């Protein structure tokens, strides 16, 4: 009976941990939308206002292209094909 009770507490602790991990992951994901191609077009109130400078947009596009080039250049050996990990 003691072992069973201990397992229940371990299970509850893991569920709580997974909940916190999930909340952190979703929150972090949503925050990054303020700095992607779509989110950058809206201000803090949700109004469509371009708040990035042209220089910032240019630098963002250069860095974005670097990531696209890196992650779209992987070959899956089992099928001997390049795969693109981005929807561009």
Protein backbone atom coordinates (compact mmCIF):
# COMPACT_ATOMS: atom_id res chain seq x y z
CA UNK A 1 0.00 0.00 0.00
CA UNK A 2 2.86 2.41 0.79
CA UNK A 3 4.48 1.74 -2.60
CA UNK A 4 1.19 2.40 -4.39
CA UNK A 5 0.69 5.73 -2.57
CA UNK A 6 4.24 6.77 -3.42
CA UNK A 7 3.67 5.98 -7.10
CA UNK A 8 0.57 8.17 -7.11
CA UNK A 9 2.57 11.12 -5.76
CA UNK A 10 5.33 10.56 -8.30
CA UNK A 11 2.69 10.48 -11.06
CA UNK A 12 1.09 13.71 -9.78
CA UNK A 13 4.49 15.43 -9.57
CA UNK A 14 5.27 14.43 -13.16
CA UNK A 15 1.88 15.68 -14.37
CA UNK A 16 2.48 19.04 -12.69
CA UNK A 17 5.96 19.21 -14.20
CA UNK A 18 4.59 18.44 -17.66
CA UNK A 19 1.94 21.13 -17.20
CA UNK A 20 4.58 23.75 -16.37
CA UNK A 21 6.75 22.65 -19.29
CA UNK A 22 3.76 22.87 -21.62
CA UNK A 23 2.78 26.34 -20.40
CA UNK A 24 6.38 27.55 -20.82
CA UNK A 25 6.65 26.09 -24.29
CA UNK A 26 3.37 27.61 -25.51
CA UNK A 27 4.12 31.00 -23.92
CA UNK A 28 7.59 31.13 -25.44
CA UNK A 29 6.20 30.15 -28.83
CA UNK A 30 3.52 32.84 -28.75
CA UNK A 31 5.96 35.55 -27.62
CA UNK A 32 8.16 34.88 -30.66
CA UNK A 33 5.25 35.76 -32.97
CA UNK A 34 5.98 39.41 -32.16
CA UNK A 35 9.24 39.00 -34.01
CA UNK A 36 8.30 36.94 -37.05
CA UNK A 37 7.11 38.04 -40.51
CA UNK A 38 3.47 38.30 -39.50
CA UNK A 39 3.71 39.48 -35.90
CA UNK A 40 6.07 42.32 -36.71
CA UNK A 41 3.29 44.04 -38.63
CA UNK A 42 1.16 44.63 -35.52
CA UNK A 43 1.73 46.86 -32.50
CA UNK A 44 1.10 45.96 -28.85
CA UNK A 45 -2.62 46.76 -29.24
CA UNK A 46 -3.09 44.54 -32.28
CA UNK A 47 -3.27 47.42 -34.76
CA UNK A 48 -1.55 46.87 -38.08
CA UNK A 49 1.29 49.36 -37.79
CA UNK A 50 4.78 48.80 -39.23
CA UNK A 51 6.97 49.35 -36.18
CA UNK A 52 10.23 47.91 -37.56
CA UNK A 53 12.62 50.15 -39.49
CA UNK A 54 13.59 49.27 -43.06
CA UNK A 55 17.10 48.46 -41.82
CA UNK A 56 15.70 46.04 -39.23
CA UNK A 57 13.49 44.36 -41.84
CA UNK A 58 16.46 43.96 -44.18
CA UNK A 59 18.64 42.43 -41.45
CA UNK A 60 15.78 40.15 -40.38
CA UNK A 61 15.34 38.89 -43.95
CA UNK A 62 19.07 38.18 -44.28
CA UNK A 63 19.11 36.14 -41.08
CA UNK A 64 15.87 34.41 -41.98
CA UNK A 65 17.35 33.34 -45.32
CA UNK A 66 20.42 31.97 -43.54
CA UNK A 67 18.22 29.76 -41.35
CA UNK A 68 16.13 28.67 -44.34
CA UNK A 69 19.29 27.73 -46.27
CA UNK A 70 20.64 25.75 -43.33
CA UNK A 71 17.48 23.82 -42.51
CA UNK A 72 16.44 23.12 -46.10
CA UNK A 73 19.72 21.42 -46.91
CA UNK A 74 19.40 18.15 -45.02
CA UNK A 75 19.51 14.81 -46.77
CA UNK A 76 17.62 11.85 -45.37
CA UNK A 77 19.96 8.94 -46.03
CA UNK A 78 17.23 6.29 -46.00
CA UNK A 79 15.47 7.87 -48.98
CA UNK A 80 18.48 9.77 -50.41
CA UNK A 81 16.48 12.98 -50.73
CA UNK A 82 16.87 16.54 -49.57
CA UNK A 83 14.13 17.64 -47.21
CA UNK A 84 12.96 21.12 -46.39
CA UNK A 85 12.15 21.63 -42.72
CA UNK A 86 10.58 25.04 -43.35
CA UNK A 87 7.38 26.14 -45.03
CA UNK A 88 8.66 29.08 -47.02
